[in-house]
Amino acid sequence: MLVKDVMTRAVKTITMDTRLQEVASLMCLNRFSGLPVVGEDNELLGILAERDVLRYLFPDLRDVMEGTASMDFEAMEDEYKKILSVRAGDLMTKNVLAVSPEIPILKAVSIMARSNFRRIPVADGKKLVGMLSLGDIHRAIFMKNFAGS
């Protein structure tokens, strides 16, 4: 089976200008752990994951070491409201690893495993065409081997 046979084609995306408030709302209400960031013609520019948002709450390690910032975890939680006006492009991971829709699904699993990803964008060149999750792959293999048995 190829990636294109099992990937999710209807992918919710955001742009670099999408405010974090909308991103957080999409993530929390739809249980997305990350969203692809696209430009014109669905060009894959980056990905914004929950960990990128939460990491932004932490002070720079250099500031902590110099004593100009503290690690007051309770206060950091309260800072969450202040970051909601930040744009996706400011926090997204650039140089995103993606897989081709034409590769075998188990090759995609090996790429995902090496990077410790549970899901990965599927791109045809630079154009986002879908998302692939470990659940998509597991379900496809299960159905191929046990459906109709």
Protein backbone atom coordinates (compact mmCIF):
# COMPACT_ATOMS: atom_id res chain seq x y z
CA MET A 1 0.00 0.00 0.00
CA LEU A 2 1.13 3.51 -0.74
CA VAL A 3 0.77 6.60 1.45
CA LYS A 4 -1.80 8.07 -1.00
CA ASP A 5 -4.04 5.04 -0.38
CA VAL A 6 -4.41 5.64 3.36
CA MET A 7 -3.63 9.31 4.05
CA THR A 8 -6.23 11.81 5.19
CA ARG A 9 -6.95 14.21 2.34
CA ALA A 10 -9.24 16.68 4.12
CA VAL A 11 -6.65 18.47 6.21
CA LYS A 12 -7.36 21.53 8.36
CA THR A 13 -4.62 24.07 7.70
CA ILE A 14 -3.60 27.48 8.97
CA THR A 15 -1.60 30.34 7.46
CA MET A 16 1.39 32.20 8.84
CA ASP A 17 -0.94 35.04 9.84
CA THR A 18 -3.39 32.87 11.81
CA ARG A 19 -3.47 34.11 15.39
CA LEU A 20 -2.62 31.69 18.16
CA GLN A 21 -6.07 32.16 19.67
CA GLU A 22 -7.62 30.50 16.59
CA VAL A 23 -4.89 27.85 16.51
CA ALA A 24 -5.39 26.99 20.19
CA SER A 25 -9.14 26.85 19.68
CA LEU A 26 -8.78 24.45 16.74
CA MET A 27 -6.33 22.29 18.67
CA CYS A 28 -8.36 22.11 21.86
CA LEU A 29 -11.84 21.71 20.34
CA ASN A 30 -10.83 19.26 17.59
CA ARG A 31 -8.06 17.45 19.47
CA PHE A 32 -5.43 18.35 16.86
CA SER A 33 -1.88 18.04 18.15
CA GLY A 34 -0.54 20.09 15.28
CA LEU A 35 -1.61 21.96 12.17
CA PRO A 36 0.19 22.42 8.85
CA VAL A 37 0.98 26.01 7.93
CA VAL A 38 0.41 26.68 4.24
CA GLY A 39 0.88 29.54 1.81
CA GLU A 40 -0.50 30.15 -1.65
CA ASP A 41 -1.58 27.08 -3.61
CA ASN A 42 -1.38 24.97 -0.44
CA GLU A 43 2.42 25.21 -0.32
CA LEU A 44 3.67 23.59 2.91
CA LEU A 45 5.59 26.26 4.83
CA GLY A 46 5.74 24.74 8.30
CA ILE A 47 3.86 23.03 11.06
CA LEU A 48 2.67 24.36 14.39
CA ALA A 49 2.44 21.74 17.12
CA GLU A 50 1.06 21.94 20.64
CA ARG A 51 4.61 21.62 21.96
CA ASP A 52 5.62 24.76 19.97
CA VAL A 53 2.84 26.72 21.66
CA LEU A 54 3.62 25.42 25.15
CA ARG A 55 7.38 25.84 24.70
CA TYR A 56 6.78 29.53 23.97
CA LEU A 57 5.57 29.96 27.56
CA PHE A 58 9.02 29.12 28.95
CA PRO A 59 11.63 31.82 29.38
CA ASP A 60 14.87 31.60 27.43
CA LEU A 61 17.35 29.38 29.32
CA ARG A 62 20.00 32.10 29.09
CA ASP A 63 17.67 34.52 30.88
CA VAL A 64 17.08 31.98 33.65
CA MET A 65 20.82 31.37 34.05
CA GLU A 66 21.50 35.12 34.22
CA GLY A 67 18.75 35.57 36.80
CA THR A 68 16.63 37.89 34.65
CA ALA A 69 13.82 35.33 34.38
CA SER A 70 12.38 32.82 36.80
CA MET A 71 10.88 29.38 36.45
CA ASP A 72 7.65 30.19 38.28
CA PHE A 73 5.47 27.54 36.66
CA GLU A 74 2.21 28.86 38.10
CA ALA A 75 2.93 32.33 36.72
CA MET A 76 3.85 30.83 33.32
CA GLU A 77 0.37 29.30 33.04
CA ASP A 78 -1.11 32.77 33.45
CA GLU A 79 1.07 34.03 30.58
CA TYR A 80 -0.88 31.81 28.17
CA LYS A 81 -3.52 34.51 27.65
CA LYS A 82 -0.84 36.97 26.60
CA ILE A 83 0.50 34.79 23.78
CA LEU A 84 -2.84 34.33 22.04
CA SER A 85 -2.21 37.34 19.78
CA VAL A 86 1.03 35.82 18.43
CA ARG A 87 0.84 34.60 14.82
CA ALA A 88 1.44 31.01 13.70
CA GLY A 89 4.39 32.08 11.56
CA ASP A 90 6.20 33.30 14.68
CA LEU A 91 6.12 29.89 16.40
CA MET A 92 5.89 27.31 13.62
CA THR A 93 8.57 24.80 12.88
CA LYS A 94 10.06 25.52 9.47
CA ASN A 95 11.85 23.00 7.23
CA VAL A 96 9.13 20.46 7.85
CA LEU A 97 9.77 16.81 7.18
CA ALA A 98 7.09 15.44 4.84
CA VAL A 99 6.58 12.21 2.94
CA SER A 100 5.59 11.65 -0.66
CA PRO A 101 2.18 10.16 -1.45
CA GLU A 102 3.96 7.63 -3.69
CA ILE A 103 6.04 5.82 -1.06
CA PRO A 104 5.04 2.57 0.70
CA ILE A 105 3.30 3.07 4.02
CA LEU A 106 5.89 1.10 5.98
CA LYS A 107 8.65 3.32 4.58
CA ALA A 108 6.62 6.27 5.93
CA VAL A 109 6.45 4.50 9.31
CA SER A 110 10.25 4.18 9.36
CA ILE A 111 10.60 7.93 8.68
CA MET A 112 8.05 8.73 11.36
CA ALA A 113 9.70 6.39 13.88
CA ARG A 114 13.15 7.94 13.33
CA SER A 115 11.70 11.38 14.08
CA ASN A 116 9.34 10.20 16.83
CA PHE A 117 6.29 11.52 14.92
CA ARG A 118 2.75 10.19 15.31
CA ARG A 119 1.66 12.05 12.18
CA ILE A 120 3.41 13.61 9.22
CA PRO A 121 2.42 15.90 6.33
CA VAL A 122 2.15 14.37 2.88
CA ALA A 123 3.46 16.63 0.14
CA ASP A 124 3.68 16.35 -3.62
CA GLY A 125 6.71 18.52 -4.20
CA LYS A 126 6.01 21.53 -1.96
CA LYS A 127 2.22 21.18 -2.12
CA LEU A 128 0.42 19.72 0.90
CA VAL A 129 -1.88 16.92 -0.26
CA GLY A 130 -2.69 15.17 3.02
CA MET A 131 -1.66 14.02 6.47
CA LEU A 132 -0.64 10.54 7.51
CA SER A 133 -0.95 9.20 11.04
CA LEU A 134 0.19 5.99 12.65
CA GLY A 135 -3.50 5.29 13.23
CA ASP A 136 -4.20 5.57 9.47
CA ILE A 137 -1.44 3.06 8.75
CA HIS A 138 -2.39 0.63 11.51
CA ARG A 139 -6.05 0.70 10.47
CA ALA A 140 -5.16 0.07 6.80
CA ILE A 141 -2.93 -2.89 7.60
CA PHE A 142 -5.50 -4.33 9.97
CA MET A 143 -8.29 -3.99 7.39
CA LYS A 144 -6.12 -5.56 4.66
CA ASN A 145 -5.29 -8.55 6.83
CA PHE A 146 -8.45 -9.13 8.84
CA ALA A 147 -11.42 -7.55 7.04
CA GLY A 148 -13.80 -10.16 5.80
CA SER A 149 -11.99 -13.00 7.62
